[in-house]
Amino acid sequence: MVRALMIEGCIIALFMIANGIYVVAFPPVNDEPQGYAIIAIGIFIILVTLHLDRIHGKDDGFPPLQ
């Protein structure tokens, strides 16, 4: 169950990062701060899911992903 949530979290985070890059790169102008915030949130989600995988990986009997 934890593996599935980690994969889903990473996929959602990658979509958020792609969306942030789209917001920064394309018009309308002056939306760059929102795009950078979206990219930062996507990176934060990836870091949180990897941290949770390491914490809960000890309980599942499976080694954590590296």
Protein backbone atom coordinates (compact mmCIF):
# COMPACT_ATOMS: atom_id res chain seq x y z
CA MET A 1 0.00 0.00 0.00
CA VAL A 2 2.79 2.41 0.86
CA ARG A 3 4.54 1.66 -2.45
CA ALA A 4 1.40 2.54 -4.41
CA LEU A 5 1.02 5.81 -2.53
CA MET A 6 4.67 6.64 -3.16
CA ILE A 7 4.32 6.02 -6.89
CA GLU A 8 1.12 8.09 -7.06
CA GLY A 9 2.74 10.90 -5.09
CA CYS A 10 5.74 10.98 -7.42
CA ILE A 11 3.54 10.99 -10.53
CA ILE A 12 1.43 13.85 -9.17
CA ALA A 13 4.58 15.76 -8.21
CA LEU A 14 6.05 15.31 -11.70
CA PHE A 15 2.84 16.66 -13.24
CA MET A 16 3.01 19.63 -10.88
CA ILE A 17 6.62 20.33 -11.86
CA ALA A 18 5.70 20.13 -15.56
CA ASN A 19 2.76 22.47 -14.94
CA GLY A 20 5.04 24.92 -13.13
CA ILE A 21 7.50 24.89 -16.03
CA TYR A 22 4.61 25.54 -18.41
CA VAL A 23 3.41 28.49 -16.30
CA VAL A 24 6.92 29.99 -16.18
CA ALA A 25 7.75 29.45 -19.86
CA PHE A 26 4.56 30.50 -21.64
CA PRO A 27 2.37 33.62 -21.61
CA PRO A 28 0.63 35.37 -19.91
CA VAL A 29 3.45 37.42 -18.51
CA ASN A 30 4.05 38.04 -14.78
CA ASP A 31 2.95 34.55 -13.65
CA GLU A 32 6.51 33.44 -12.94
CA PRO A 33 6.26 33.56 -9.11
CA GLN A 34 3.27 31.20 -9.18
CA GLY A 35 5.14 28.87 -11.52
CA TYR A 36 8.17 28.78 -9.25
CA ALA A 37 5.92 28.08 -6.26
CA ILE A 38 4.25 25.20 -8.11
CA ILE A 39 7.67 23.73 -8.97
CA ALA A 40 8.79 24.05 -5.34
CA ILE A 41 5.63 22.30 -4.12
CA GLY A 42 6.22 19.46 -6.60
CA ILE A 43 9.78 19.00 -5.35
CA PHE A 44 8.53 19.11 -1.76
CA ILE A 45 5.97 16.37 -2.49
CA ILE A 46 8.70 14.14 -3.97
CA LEU A 47 10.90 14.66 -0.91
CA VAL A 48 8.03 13.94 1.49
CA THR A 49 7.01 10.75 -0.31
CA LEU A 50 10.61 9.48 -0.34
CA HIS A 51 10.94 10.29 3.37
CA LEU A 52 7.70 8.47 4.17
CA ASP A 53 8.87 5.50 2.11
CA ARG A 54 12.03 5.28 4.20
CA ILE A 55 10.06 5.51 7.44
CA HIS A 56 7.38 2.99 6.51
CA GLY A 57 9.74 0.77 4.51
CA LYS A 58 11.10 -0.62 7.75
CA ASP A 59 7.63 -1.83 8.71
CA ASP A 60 6.73 -3.50 5.39
CA GLY A 61 9.58 -5.96 5.28
CA PHE A 62 10.73 -4.49 1.96
CA PRO A 63 13.88 -2.41 1.65
CA PRO A 64 13.31 1.30 0.89
CA LEU A 65 13.81 2.54 -2.66
CA GLN A 66 17.13 4.18 -3.37
